[in-house]
Amino acid sequence: MPKSRKTKPAGPRDGSPRPSVGRRAVAPAAGESVRRVGRIMYIERKAGSLVGPARIGRVTFSKTGRTLRYRDQTFRSLRGAGFKSNYVCVETGEDWWISGPKRRGGDRMYGSALPVEIDEDVRAEYWREIRRQPERGDETVA
């Protein structure tokens, strides 16, 4: 007997689409593709240690998703081959951990008390859409 496929509901009962957590909620500008808009991600530089400087910022993905860009840096996926890292910087060869931010905070792998800076261009969206704490929209660290 074949298994039936379970589907997720389309969204709220009024038929509107579900909001996309961690992605830009507004439509891209004319001529701007969704891939260029990017996604808010947690970015931590490992570079020879288990804990390093970290940020929350917007990254853009390549067509295949194996490469991503953040500011002036390009990262290539290690596809599971890294030790406590999942991307490598193409320009420097340093190891990085890049992942989606957690709704409850605490993005660091080892729960370090070091601050995680939030880029100014994503700050309000991060606190509103991901953490669901819009009153904290002016805070620069998570």
N, C-alpha and C. Protein backbone atom coordinates (compact mmCIF):
# COMPACT_ATOMS: atom_id res chain seq x y z
N MET A 1 0.83 -1.17 0.00
CA MET A 1 0.00 0.00 0.00
C MET A 1 0.89 1.25 0.00
N PRO A 2 0.73 2.17 -0.97
CA PRO A 2 1.58 3.35 -1.03
C PRO A 2 1.28 4.31 0.12
N LYS A 3 2.35 4.98 0.58
CA LYS A 3 2.19 5.95 1.66
C LYS A 3 1.63 7.25 1.09
N SER A 4 0.76 7.87 1.86
CA SER A 4 0.23 9.15 1.40
C SER A 4 1.18 10.26 1.81
N ARG A 5 1.29 11.26 0.98
CA ARG A 5 2.16 12.40 1.27
C ARG A 5 1.41 13.40 2.12
N LYS A 6 2.06 13.83 3.17
CA LYS A 6 1.48 14.86 4.01
C LYS A 6 1.95 16.22 3.51
N THR A 7 1.05 17.14 3.44
CA THR A 7 1.40 18.48 2.99
C THR A 7 1.19 19.47 4.11
N LYS A 8 1.97 20.53 4.08
CA LYS A 8 1.83 21.59 5.06
C LYS A 8 0.70 22.52 4.61
N PRO A 9 -0.01 23.11 5.55
CA PRO A 9 -1.05 24.05 5.17
C PRO A 9 -0.44 25.26 4.44
N ALA A 10 -1.22 25.88 3.57
CA ALA A 10 -0.74 26.98 2.75
C ALA A 10 -0.35 28.19 3.57
N GLY A 11 -0.90 28.36 4.70
CA GLY A 11 -0.60 29.54 5.52
C GLY A 11 -1.77 29.83 6.43
N PRO A 12 -1.94 31.07 6.80
CA PRO A 12 -3.08 31.42 7.64
C PRO A 12 -4.38 31.07 6.95
N ARG A 13 -5.44 30.96 7.69
CA ARG A 13 -6.73 30.51 7.13
C ARG A 13 -7.31 31.45 6.09
N ASP A 14 -6.81 32.69 6.05
CA ASP A 14 -7.33 33.62 5.04
C ASP A 14 -6.70 33.39 3.67
N GLY A 15 -5.78 32.42 3.57
CA GLY A 15 -5.17 32.08 2.29
C GLY A 15 -3.91 32.85 1.96
N SER A 16 -3.52 33.79 2.81
CA SER A 16 -2.29 34.54 2.53
C SER A 16 -1.08 33.65 2.78
N PRO A 17 0.03 33.90 2.10
CA PRO A 17 1.22 33.05 2.27
C PRO A 17 1.83 33.19 3.66
N ARG A 18 2.50 32.11 4.09
CA ARG A 18 3.20 32.12 5.37
C ARG A 18 4.37 33.09 5.32
N PRO A 19 4.64 33.83 6.41
CA PRO A 19 5.83 34.69 6.40
C PRO A 19 7.08 33.84 6.40
N SER A 20 8.12 34.33 5.79
CA SER A 20 9.38 33.61 5.69
C SER A 20 10.34 34.11 6.76
N VAL A 21 10.61 33.31 7.78
CA VAL A 21 11.49 33.71 8.86
C VAL A 21 12.92 33.75 8.36
N GLY A 22 13.64 34.84 8.66
CA GLY A 22 15.03 34.95 8.27
C GLY A 22 15.25 35.47 6.87
N ARG A 23 14.19 35.66 6.13
CA ARG A 23 14.33 36.21 4.78
C ARG A 23 13.62 37.56 4.72
N ARG A 24 13.96 38.32 3.71
CA ARG A 24 13.36 39.63 3.55
C ARG A 24 11.87 39.49 3.33
N ALA A 25 11.06 40.21 4.10
CA ALA A 25 9.62 40.07 4.04
C ALA A 25 9.00 40.83 2.87
N VAL A 26 9.68 41.84 2.36
CA VAL A 26 9.14 42.64 1.27
C VAL A 26 9.65 42.10 -0.05
N ALA A 27 8.92 42.40 -1.11
CA ALA A 27 9.32 41.95 -2.43
C ALA A 27 10.58 42.69 -2.88
N PRO A 28 11.45 42.03 -3.65
CA PRO A 28 12.65 42.71 -4.13
C PRO A 28 12.29 43.84 -5.09
N ALA A 29 13.16 44.82 -5.19
CA ALA A 29 12.94 45.94 -6.10
C ALA A 29 12.98 45.44 -7.54
N ALA A 30 12.46 46.26 -8.45
CA ALA A 30 12.43 45.88 -9.85
C ALA A 30 13.84 45.54 -10.34
N GLY A 31 13.98 44.39 -10.97
CA GLY A 31 15.27 43.97 -11.50
C GLY A 31 16.17 43.28 -10.48
N GLU A 32 15.75 43.21 -9.23
CA GLU A 32 16.56 42.59 -8.17
C GLU A 32 16.01 41.19 -7.92
N SER A 33 16.85 40.18 -8.10
CA SER A 33 16.39 38.81 -7.90
C SER A 33 16.36 38.47 -6.42
N VAL A 34 15.62 37.43 -6.07
CA VAL A 34 15.54 36.98 -4.69
C VAL A 34 16.90 36.53 -4.20
N ARG A 35 17.70 35.89 -5.06
CA ARG A 35 19.02 35.42 -4.69
C ARG A 35 19.91 36.58 -4.26
N ARG A 36 19.77 37.75 -4.89
CA ARG A 36 20.60 38.90 -4.53
C ARG A 36 20.15 39.52 -3.21
N VAL A 37 18.89 39.37 -2.86
CA VAL A 37 18.39 39.92 -1.61
C VAL A 37 19.07 39.22 -0.44
N GLY A 38 19.19 37.91 -0.50
CA GLY A 38 19.91 37.16 0.50
C GLY A 38 19.10 36.79 1.72
N ARG A 39 19.81 36.39 2.75
CA ARG A 39 19.19 35.89 3.97
C ARG A 39 20.02 36.32 5.17
N ILE A 40 19.37 36.61 6.27
CA ILE A 40 20.08 36.96 7.49
C ILE A 40 20.65 35.68 8.08
N MET A 41 21.97 35.70 8.37
CA MET A 41 22.65 34.52 8.87
C MET A 41 23.59 34.87 10.01
N TYR A 42 23.93 33.85 10.82
CA TYR A 42 24.93 33.96 11.87
C TYR A 42 26.27 33.58 11.25
N ILE A 43 27.29 34.42 11.42
CA ILE A 43 28.59 34.23 10.77
C ILE A 43 29.68 34.31 11.84
N GLU A 44 30.42 33.22 12.04
CA GLU A 44 31.48 33.18 13.06
C GLU A 44 32.79 32.72 12.44
N ARG A 45 33.84 33.50 12.66
CA ARG A 45 35.17 33.16 12.15
C ARG A 45 35.85 32.20 13.12
N LYS A 46 36.22 31.03 12.65
CA LYS A 46 36.87 30.02 13.50
C LYS A 46 38.38 30.19 13.47
N ALA A 47 39.00 30.26 12.32
CA ALA A 47 40.42 30.55 12.11
C ALA A 47 41.34 30.00 13.18
N GLY A 48 41.38 28.68 13.33
CA GLY A 48 42.33 28.04 14.24
C GLY A 48 41.86 27.91 15.67
N SER A 49 40.66 28.35 16.00
CA SER A 49 40.16 28.19 17.36
C SER A 49 38.68 27.78 17.30
N LEU A 50 38.15 27.40 18.44
CA LEU A 50 36.75 26.96 18.48
C LEU A 50 35.78 28.12 18.62
N VAL A 51 36.26 29.25 19.14
CA VAL A 51 35.41 30.43 19.33
C VAL A 51 36.11 31.63 18.70
N GLY A 52 35.36 32.40 17.92
CA GLY A 52 35.95 33.57 17.27
C GLY A 52 34.94 34.70 17.18
N PRO A 53 35.33 35.82 16.56
CA PRO A 53 34.42 36.94 16.41
C PRO A 53 33.22 36.53 15.56
N ALA A 54 32.04 37.05 15.93
CA ALA A 54 30.81 36.64 15.24
C ALA A 54 29.94 37.84 14.93
N ARG A 55 29.11 37.69 13.90
CA ARG A 55 28.18 38.74 13.47
C ARG A 55 26.89 38.11 13.00
N ILE A 56 25.86 38.94 12.96
CA ILE A 56 24.62 38.59 12.29
C ILE A 56 24.55 39.54 11.10
N GLY A 57 24.44 38.99 9.89
CA GLY A 57 24.40 39.84 8.70
C GLY A 57 23.71 39.15 7.55
N ARG A 58 23.55 39.88 6.45
CA ARG A 58 22.87 39.33 5.27
C ARG A 58 23.88 38.75 4.30
N VAL A 59 23.68 37.50 3.93
CA VAL A 59 24.53 36.84 2.94
C VAL A 59 23.72 36.58 1.69
N THR A 60 24.40 36.48 0.56
CA THR A 60 23.74 36.10 -0.69
C THR A 60 24.33 34.78 -1.15
N PHE A 61 23.50 33.98 -1.78
CA PHE A 61 23.89 32.64 -2.20
C PHE A 61 24.12 32.58 -3.71
N SER A 62 25.02 31.69 -4.12
CA SER A 62 25.21 31.43 -5.54
C SER A 62 24.01 30.64 -6.05
N LYS A 63 23.97 30.43 -7.33
CA LYS A 63 22.87 29.68 -7.93
C LYS A 63 22.76 28.27 -7.36
N THR A 64 23.89 27.61 -7.12
CA THR A 64 23.89 26.24 -6.61
C THR A 64 23.75 26.19 -5.09
N GLY A 65 24.04 27.29 -4.40
CA GLY A 65 23.96 27.33 -2.94
C GLY A 65 25.23 26.86 -2.25
N ARG A 66 26.24 26.44 -3.00
CA ARG A 66 27.49 25.97 -2.40
C ARG A 66 28.44 27.11 -2.05
N THR A 67 28.21 28.25 -2.66
CA THR A 67 29.04 29.42 -2.40
C THR A 67 28.14 30.55 -1.93
N LEU A 68 28.64 31.31 -0.96
CA LEU A 68 27.88 32.48 -0.54
C LEU A 68 28.80 33.66 -0.35
N ARG A 69 28.22 34.85 -0.35
CA ARG A 69 28.98 36.08 -0.21
C ARG A 69 28.45 36.88 0.97
N TYR A 70 29.41 37.45 1.71
CA TYR A 70 29.08 38.36 2.80
C TYR A 70 30.06 39.52 2.68
N ARG A 71 29.53 40.71 2.48
CA ARG A 71 30.35 41.90 2.25
C ARG A 71 31.33 41.63 1.12
N ASP A 72 32.63 41.72 1.37
CA ASP A 72 33.62 41.53 0.30
C ASP A 72 34.22 40.13 0.29
N GLN A 73 33.65 39.21 1.07
CA GLN A 73 34.22 37.87 1.17
C GLN A 73 33.34 36.83 0.48
N THR A 74 33.99 35.81 -0.07
CA THR A 74 33.31 34.69 -0.70
C THR A 74 33.63 33.44 0.10
N PHE A 75 32.60 32.65 0.39
CA PHE A 75 32.76 31.43 1.18
C PHE A 75 32.31 30.23 0.36
N ARG A 76 33.09 29.15 0.45
CA ARG A 76 32.76 27.89 -0.23
C ARG A 76 32.38 26.86 0.81
N SER A 77 31.33 26.12 0.56
CA SER A 77 30.86 25.10 1.49
C SER A 77 31.86 23.96 1.59
N LEU A 78 32.06 23.48 2.81
CA LEU A 78 32.93 22.31 3.02
C LEU A 78 32.13 21.01 2.88
N ARG A 79 30.85 21.10 2.68
CA ARG A 79 29.95 19.97 2.47
C ARG A 79 30.16 18.85 3.49
N GLY A 80 30.23 19.25 4.77
CA GLY A 80 30.36 18.28 5.84
C GLY A 80 31.76 17.85 6.18
N ALA A 81 32.77 18.36 5.49
CA ALA A 81 34.14 17.91 5.70
C ALA A 81 34.91 18.75 6.73
N GLY A 82 34.30 19.80 7.27
CA GLY A 82 35.01 20.68 8.19
C GLY A 82 34.93 20.20 9.63
N PHE A 83 35.90 20.64 10.45
CA PHE A 83 35.88 20.36 11.89
C PHE A 83 35.41 21.63 12.59
N LYS A 84 34.22 21.60 13.13
CA LYS A 84 33.59 22.75 13.79
C LYS A 84 33.45 23.95 12.86
N SER A 85 33.45 23.71 11.57
CA SER A 85 33.22 24.76 10.58
C SER A 85 32.50 24.13 9.40
N ASN A 86 31.79 24.98 8.65
CA ASN A 86 31.07 24.46 7.49
C ASN A 86 31.37 25.22 6.20
N TYR A 87 32.11 26.33 6.30
CA TYR A 87 32.51 27.10 5.13
C TYR A 87 33.97 27.49 5.26
N VAL A 88 34.61 27.75 4.13
CA VAL A 88 35.98 28.25 4.12
C VAL A 88 35.99 29.52 3.28
N CYS A 89 36.73 30.52 3.73
CA CYS A 89 36.86 31.77 2.98
C CYS A 89 37.75 31.52 1.77
N VAL A 90 37.27 31.83 0.58
CA VAL A 90 38.03 31.58 -0.64
C VAL A 90 39.30 32.43 -0.67
N GLU A 91 39.22 33.67 -0.21
CA GLU A 91 40.37 34.59 -0.27
C GLU A 91 41.46 34.25 0.75
N THR A 92 41.09 33.87 1.98
CA THR A 92 42.08 33.68 3.05
C THR A 92 42.31 32.22 3.44
N GLY A 93 41.38 31.33 3.13
CA GLY A 93 41.49 29.93 3.52
C GLY A 93 41.09 29.66 4.97
N GLU A 94 40.56 30.68 5.67
CA GLU A 94 40.15 30.51 7.07
C GLU A 94 38.81 29.78 7.16
N ASP A 95 38.64 29.05 8.27
CA ASP A 95 37.40 28.32 8.51
C ASP A 95 36.36 29.24 9.15
N TRP A 96 35.09 29.05 8.77
CA TRP A 96 33.98 29.83 9.29
C TRP A 96 32.80 28.92 9.58
N TRP A 97 31.97 29.32 10.54
CA TRP A 97 30.69 28.66 10.81
C TRP A 97 29.61 29.64 10.41
N ILE A 98 28.78 29.26 9.45
CA ILE A 98 27.70 30.12 8.96
C ILE A 98 26.41 29.32 9.02
N SER A 99 25.43 29.87 9.72
CA SER A 99 24.15 29.17 9.86
C SER A 99 23.04 30.18 10.07
N GLY A 100 21.82 29.69 10.00
CA GLY A 100 20.68 30.54 10.28
C GLY A 100 20.66 30.92 11.75
N PRO A 101 20.25 32.14 12.07
CA PRO A 101 20.20 32.55 13.48
C PRO A 101 19.06 31.87 14.21
N LYS A 102 19.25 31.63 15.50
CA LYS A 102 18.22 30.97 16.31
C LYS A 102 17.24 32.00 16.85
N ARG A 103 15.99 31.64 16.91
CA ARG A 103 14.97 32.54 17.40
C ARG A 103 15.21 32.92 18.86
N ARG A 104 15.74 32.01 19.66
CA ARG A 104 15.96 32.28 21.08
C ARG A 104 17.31 32.93 21.35
N GLY A 105 18.13 33.17 20.31
CA GLY A 105 19.48 33.70 20.48
C GLY A 105 20.43 32.54 20.73
N GLY A 106 21.55 32.78 21.38
CA GLY A 106 22.48 31.70 21.70
C GLY A 106 23.01 31.00 20.48
N ASP A 107 23.42 31.76 19.48
CA ASP A 107 23.88 31.16 18.22
C ASP A 107 25.26 30.52 18.31
N ARG A 108 26.07 30.94 19.24
CA ARG A 108 27.43 30.41 19.33
C ARG A 108 27.39 28.91 19.65
N MET A 109 28.31 28.17 19.05
CA MET A 109 28.35 26.72 19.22
C MET A 109 28.66 26.32 20.66
N TYR A 110 29.49 27.10 21.34
CA TYR A 110 29.92 26.74 22.69
C TYR A 110 29.39 27.68 23.77
N GLY A 111 28.34 28.42 23.48
CA GLY A 111 27.70 29.24 24.48
C GLY A 111 28.60 30.29 25.12
N SER A 112 29.57 30.77 24.39
CA SER A 112 30.48 31.78 24.91
C SER A 112 29.74 33.06 25.25
N ALA A 113 30.28 33.82 26.20
CA ALA A 113 29.67 35.10 26.59
C ALA A 113 30.12 36.24 25.69
N LEU A 114 30.92 35.96 24.67
CA LEU A 114 31.37 37.00 23.76
C LEU A 114 30.17 37.59 23.01
N PRO A 115 30.17 38.89 22.75
CA PRO A 115 29.04 39.51 22.06
C PRO A 115 28.99 39.11 20.58
N VAL A 116 27.78 39.11 20.04
CA VAL A 116 27.57 38.87 18.62
C VAL A 116 27.01 40.16 18.05
N GLU A 117 27.80 40.85 17.22
CA GLU A 117 27.37 42.12 16.65
C GLU A 117 26.34 41.88 15.55
N ILE A 118 25.43 42.85 15.41
CA ILE A 118 24.39 42.78 14.39
C ILE A 118 24.63 43.91 13.40
N ASP A 119 24.74 43.58 12.11
CA ASP A 119 24.95 44.60 11.09
C ASP A 119 23.79 45.59 11.09
N GLU A 120 24.11 46.85 10.86
CA GLU A 120 23.10 47.91 10.92
C GLU A 120 21.99 47.71 9.90
N ASP A 121 22.32 47.21 8.71
CA ASP A 121 21.32 47.07 7.65
C ASP A 121 20.30 45.95 7.92
N VAL A 122 20.56 45.05 8.88
CA VAL A 122 19.62 43.97 9.18
C VAL A 122 19.07 44.03 10.61
N ARG A 123 19.53 45.01 11.39
CA ARG A 123 19.22 45.05 12.82
C ARG A 123 17.72 45.03 13.11
N ALA A 124 16.97 45.94 12.54
CA ALA A 124 15.52 46.01 12.83
C ALA A 124 14.82 44.73 12.37
N GLU A 125 15.17 44.23 11.20
CA GLU A 125 14.55 43.01 10.68
C GLU A 125 14.88 41.79 11.55
N TYR A 126 16.13 41.71 12.02
CA TYR A 126 16.55 40.61 12.89
C TYR A 126 15.71 40.58 14.17
N TRP A 127 15.61 41.73 14.85
CA TRP A 127 14.85 41.75 16.10
C TRP A 127 13.36 41.55 15.87
N ARG A 128 12.82 42.04 14.75
CA ARG A 128 11.38 41.94 14.48
C ARG A 128 10.99 40.55 13.96
N GLU A 129 11.69 40.07 12.91
CA GLU A 129 11.28 38.85 12.23
C GLU A 129 11.86 37.57 12.84
N ILE A 130 13.09 37.60 13.29
CA ILE A 130 13.73 36.37 13.77
C ILE A 130 13.54 36.21 15.27
N ARG A 131 13.92 37.22 16.05
CA ARG A 131 13.82 37.13 17.50
C ARG A 131 12.42 37.48 18.02
N ARG A 132 11.61 38.14 17.18
CA ARG A 132 10.24 38.55 17.54
C ARG A 132 10.22 39.41 18.80
N GLN A 133 11.18 40.35 18.85
CA GLN A 133 11.29 41.31 19.94
C GLN A 133 11.52 42.70 19.35
N PRO A 134 10.53 43.27 18.66
CA PRO A 134 10.73 44.53 17.97
C PRO A 134 11.14 45.69 18.86
N GLU A 135 10.82 45.61 20.14
CA GLU A 135 11.20 46.68 21.07
C GLU A 135 12.71 46.78 21.23
N ARG A 136 13.45 45.74 20.87
CA ARG A 136 14.92 45.74 20.99
C ARG A 136 15.60 46.15 19.67
N GLY A 137 14.86 46.68 18.73
CA GLY A 137 15.35 47.00 17.39
C GLY A 137 16.57 47.90 17.33
N ASP A 138 16.88 48.64 18.37
CA ASP A 138 18.04 49.53 18.37
C ASP A 138 19.30 48.88 18.94
N GLU A 139 19.18 47.70 19.53
CA GLU A 139 20.33 47.04 20.14
C GLU A 139 21.29 46.54 19.08
N THR A 140 22.58 46.76 19.30
CA THR A 140 23.61 46.42 18.31
C THR A 140 24.25 45.06 18.55
N VAL A 141 24.02 44.42 19.68
CA VAL A 141 24.56 43.10 19.96
C VAL A 141 23.43 42.16 20.41
N ALA A 142 23.60 40.90 20.07
CA ALA A 142 22.59 39.90 20.45
C ALA A 142 23.10 39.10 21.64
